[in-house]
Amino acid sequence: MASYSTREAARLLGVSMATINRYILAGTVPVPALTRVGGVTVRLWKDKDIAKAKAIVDGFTDGRRTRHREKKSGGKAR
């Protein structure tokens, strides 16, 4: 079973590093415990951790993309 850094987990989830950090701070995705490796504290993501987070992240929609696709009612067509 492979271990991934948070940066690698973000890449596998298809989100940016900033986005995954926001999800972690908000408690949106379950995160693995902190582990001490060579004097550095890191999160080591396993395949099952990424699968759980992927199931949650895939359910999100990007409001900026979908907001403008809504059909407007009334008014003149341009």
N, C-alpha and C. Protein backbone atom coordinates (compact mmCIF):
# COMPACT_ATOMS: atom_id res chain seq x y z
N MET A 1 0.85 -1.17 0.00
CA MET A 1 0.00 0.00 0.00
C MET A 1 0.90 1.24 0.00
N ALA A 2 0.64 2.12 -0.93
CA ALA A 2 1.46 3.32 -1.09
C ALA A 2 1.03 4.41 -0.11
N SER A 3 1.97 5.28 0.20
CA SER A 3 1.69 6.45 1.03
C SER A 3 1.94 7.69 0.18
N TYR A 4 1.07 8.68 0.35
CA TYR A 4 1.18 9.90 -0.44
C TYR A 4 1.23 11.11 0.49
N SER A 5 1.91 12.16 0.03
CA SER A 5 1.91 13.41 0.77
C SER A 5 0.59 14.12 0.51
N THR A 6 0.33 15.19 1.22
CA THR A 6 -0.89 15.96 1.01
C THR A 6 -0.90 16.57 -0.39
N ARG A 7 0.25 17.01 -0.87
CA ARG A 7 0.35 17.56 -2.22
C ARG A 7 0.00 16.51 -3.27
N GLU A 8 0.51 15.30 -3.08
CA GLU A 8 0.20 14.22 -4.01
C GLU A 8 -1.27 13.82 -3.92
N ALA A 9 -1.81 13.83 -2.71
CA ALA A 9 -3.24 13.51 -2.53
C ALA A 9 -4.11 14.54 -3.24
N ALA A 10 -3.74 15.81 -3.16
CA ALA A 10 -4.48 16.86 -3.85
C ALA A 10 -4.47 16.62 -5.35
N ARG A 11 -3.32 16.26 -5.89
CA ARG A 11 -3.21 15.99 -7.32
C ARG A 11 -4.09 14.81 -7.72
N LEU A 12 -4.09 13.75 -6.90
CA LEU A 12 -4.92 12.59 -7.19
C LEU A 12 -6.42 12.90 -7.09
N LEU A 13 -6.78 13.85 -6.22
CA LEU A 13 -8.18 14.25 -6.06
C LEU A 13 -8.61 15.25 -7.13
N GLY A 14 -7.63 15.82 -7.83
CA GLY A 14 -7.97 16.79 -8.87
C GLY A 14 -8.25 18.18 -8.35
N VAL A 15 -7.69 18.51 -7.18
CA VAL A 15 -7.86 19.84 -6.61
C VAL A 15 -6.49 20.44 -6.32
N SER A 16 -6.45 21.73 -6.06
CA SER A 16 -5.18 22.39 -5.76
C SER A 16 -4.79 22.14 -4.30
N MET A 17 -3.56 22.45 -4.00
CA MET A 17 -3.07 22.31 -2.64
C MET A 17 -3.84 23.24 -1.69
N ALA A 18 -4.14 24.45 -2.16
CA ALA A 18 -4.90 25.40 -1.33
C ALA A 18 -6.30 24.86 -1.04
N THR A 19 -6.92 24.25 -2.03
CA THR A 19 -8.27 23.72 -1.86
C THR A 19 -8.28 22.58 -0.86
N ILE A 20 -7.33 21.66 -0.96
CA ILE A 20 -7.33 20.53 -0.02
C ILE A 20 -7.04 21.03 1.39
N ASN A 21 -6.22 22.06 1.52
CA ASN A 21 -5.97 22.62 2.85
C ASN A 21 -7.23 23.27 3.42
N ARG A 22 -8.04 23.92 2.56
CA ARG A 22 -9.32 24.49 3.03
C ARG A 22 -10.26 23.38 3.47
N TYR A 23 -10.31 22.29 2.72
CA TYR A 23 -11.16 21.15 3.09
C TYR A 23 -10.72 20.56 4.42
N ILE A 24 -9.41 20.46 4.63
CA ILE A 24 -8.89 19.91 5.89
C ILE A 24 -9.27 20.81 7.06
N LEU A 25 -9.06 22.12 6.91
CA LEU A 25 -9.39 23.06 7.98
C LEU A 25 -10.88 23.10 8.28
N ALA A 26 -11.70 22.96 7.26
CA ALA A 26 -13.16 23.00 7.44
C ALA A 26 -13.71 21.67 7.94
N GLY A 27 -12.90 20.62 7.88
CA GLY A 27 -13.36 19.30 8.31
C GLY A 27 -14.25 18.64 7.26
N THR A 28 -14.13 19.08 6.02
CA THR A 28 -14.95 18.55 4.93
C THR A 28 -14.54 17.14 4.55
N VAL A 29 -13.26 16.88 4.50
CA VAL A 29 -12.77 15.55 4.15
C VAL A 29 -12.09 14.92 5.35
N PRO A 30 -12.23 13.62 5.54
CA PRO A 30 -11.52 12.94 6.62
C PRO A 30 -10.04 12.88 6.30
N VAL A 31 -9.22 13.22 7.26
CA VAL A 31 -7.78 13.25 7.01
C VAL A 31 -7.06 12.22 7.88
N PRO A 32 -5.95 11.70 7.40
CA PRO A 32 -5.18 10.77 8.21
C PRO A 32 -4.48 11.51 9.36
N ALA A 33 -4.11 10.76 10.35
CA ALA A 33 -3.43 11.35 11.50
C ALA A 33 -2.05 11.86 11.10
N LEU A 34 -1.55 12.80 11.87
CA LEU A 34 -0.21 13.31 11.64
C LEU A 34 0.81 12.24 12.03
N THR A 35 1.88 12.13 11.25
CA THR A 35 2.93 11.14 11.48
C THR A 35 4.27 11.86 11.47
N ARG A 36 5.13 11.43 12.36
CA ARG A 36 6.47 12.03 12.42
C ARG A 36 7.42 11.19 11.58
N VAL A 37 8.00 11.80 10.54
CA VAL A 37 8.92 11.10 9.65
C VAL A 37 10.21 11.90 9.57
N GLY A 38 11.30 11.35 10.09
CA GLY A 38 12.59 12.02 10.00
C GLY A 38 12.62 13.40 10.62
N GLY A 39 11.91 13.59 11.70
CA GLY A 39 11.89 14.89 12.38
C GLY A 39 10.89 15.87 11.81
N VAL A 40 10.12 15.47 10.82
CA VAL A 40 9.11 16.33 10.20
C VAL A 40 7.75 15.70 10.42
N THR A 41 6.77 16.51 10.78
CA THR A 41 5.41 16.02 10.97
C THR A 41 4.64 16.18 9.67
N VAL A 42 4.10 15.06 9.16
CA VAL A 42 3.38 15.07 7.88
C VAL A 42 2.12 14.22 7.99
N ARG A 43 1.25 14.37 7.01
CA ARG A 43 0.10 13.48 6.88
C ARG A 43 0.44 12.49 5.77
N LEU A 44 0.36 11.22 6.07
CA LEU A 44 0.60 10.19 5.06
C LEU A 44 -0.74 9.62 4.63
N TRP A 45 -1.13 9.90 3.42
CA TRP A 45 -2.41 9.47 2.86
C TRP A 45 -2.25 8.09 2.26
N LYS A 46 -3.09 7.18 2.65
CA LYS A 46 -3.13 5.83 2.08
C LYS A 46 -4.18 5.81 0.98
N ASP A 47 -4.21 4.75 0.21
CA ASP A 47 -5.18 4.63 -0.88
C ASP A 47 -6.62 4.72 -0.37
N LYS A 48 -6.90 4.13 0.80
CA LYS A 48 -8.26 4.16 1.34
C LYS A 48 -8.64 5.58 1.78
N ASP A 49 -7.67 6.36 2.29
CA ASP A 49 -7.95 7.75 2.67
C ASP A 49 -8.31 8.59 1.45
N ILE A 50 -7.58 8.37 0.36
CA ILE A 50 -7.84 9.11 -0.86
C ILE A 50 -9.19 8.70 -1.46
N ALA A 51 -9.52 7.43 -1.37
CA ALA A 51 -10.81 6.96 -1.90
C ALA A 51 -11.97 7.59 -1.13
N LYS A 52 -11.85 7.70 0.19
CA LYS A 52 -12.91 8.33 0.99
C LYS A 52 -13.06 9.80 0.61
N ALA A 53 -11.92 10.51 0.51
CA ALA A 53 -11.96 11.92 0.16
C ALA A 53 -12.48 12.12 -1.26
N LYS A 54 -12.13 11.24 -2.18
CA LYS A 54 -12.58 11.34 -3.57
C LYS A 54 -14.10 11.22 -3.66
N ALA A 55 -14.67 10.32 -2.85
CA ALA A 55 -16.13 10.15 -2.85
C ALA A 55 -16.82 11.44 -2.42
N ILE A 56 -16.23 12.16 -1.49
CA ILE A 56 -16.81 13.42 -1.00
C ILE A 56 -16.60 14.54 -2.01
N VAL A 57 -15.37 14.68 -2.50
CA VAL A 57 -15.02 15.77 -3.41
C VAL A 57 -15.77 15.65 -4.74
N ASP A 58 -16.00 14.44 -5.20
CA ASP A 58 -16.72 14.26 -6.46
C ASP A 58 -18.16 14.77 -6.39
N GLY A 59 -18.70 14.88 -5.18
CA GLY A 59 -20.07 15.36 -5.01
C GLY A 59 -20.19 16.87 -5.06
N PHE A 60 -19.07 17.59 -5.03
CA PHE A 60 -19.09 19.05 -5.05
C PHE A 60 -19.28 19.56 -6.47
N THR A 61 -19.95 20.71 -6.60
CA THR A 61 -20.06 21.37 -7.89
C THR A 61 -19.41 22.73 -7.78
N ASP A 62 -18.91 23.21 -8.87
CA ASP A 62 -18.28 24.52 -8.91
C ASP A 62 -19.35 25.55 -9.23
N GLY A 63 -19.75 26.32 -8.26
CA GLY A 63 -20.81 27.29 -8.43
C GLY A 63 -20.51 28.35 -9.46
N ARG A 64 -19.25 28.68 -9.65
CA ARG A 64 -18.91 29.70 -10.63
C ARG A 64 -19.18 29.20 -12.05
N ARG A 65 -18.99 27.92 -12.27
CA ARG A 65 -19.23 27.39 -13.61
C ARG A 65 -20.72 27.16 -13.86
N THR A 66 -21.43 26.69 -12.85
CA THR A 66 -22.83 26.33 -13.06
C THR A 66 -23.75 27.53 -12.97
N ARG A 67 -23.38 28.55 -12.26
CA ARG A 67 -24.24 29.70 -12.05
C ARG A 67 -24.59 30.37 -13.38
N HIS A 68 -23.64 30.50 -14.28
CA HIS A 68 -23.88 31.21 -15.53
C HIS A 68 -24.55 30.34 -16.59
N ARG A 69 -24.68 29.07 -16.35
CA ARG A 69 -25.32 28.18 -17.31
C ARG A 69 -26.83 28.11 -17.10
N GLU A 70 -27.31 28.64 -15.98
CA GLU A 70 -28.74 28.59 -15.71
C GLU A 70 -29.48 29.41 -16.75
N LYS A 71 -30.59 28.91 -17.18
CA LYS A 71 -31.38 29.60 -18.18
C LYS A 71 -32.11 30.75 -17.51
N LYS A 72 -31.94 31.92 -18.06
CA LYS A 72 -32.62 33.09 -17.49
C LYS A 72 -34.02 33.20 -18.06
N SER A 73 -34.96 33.53 -17.22
CA SER A 73 -36.35 33.65 -17.69
C SER A 73 -36.68 35.12 -17.92
N GLY A 74 -37.48 35.35 -18.93
CA GLY A 74 -37.90 36.72 -19.23
C GLY A 74 -36.80 37.50 -19.91
N GLY A 75 -37.11 38.73 -20.27
CA GLY A 75 -36.12 39.59 -20.91
C GLY A 75 -35.95 39.25 -22.38
N LYS A 76 -35.18 40.09 -23.05
CA LYS A 76 -34.95 39.89 -24.48
C LYS A 76 -33.78 38.93 -24.71
N ALA A 77 -33.88 38.19 -25.77
CA ALA A 77 -32.76 37.33 -26.17
C ALA A 77 -31.76 38.18 -26.94
N ARG A 78 -30.52 37.97 -26.71
CA ARG A 78 -29.49 38.78 -27.40
C ARG A 78 -28.92 38.04 -28.55
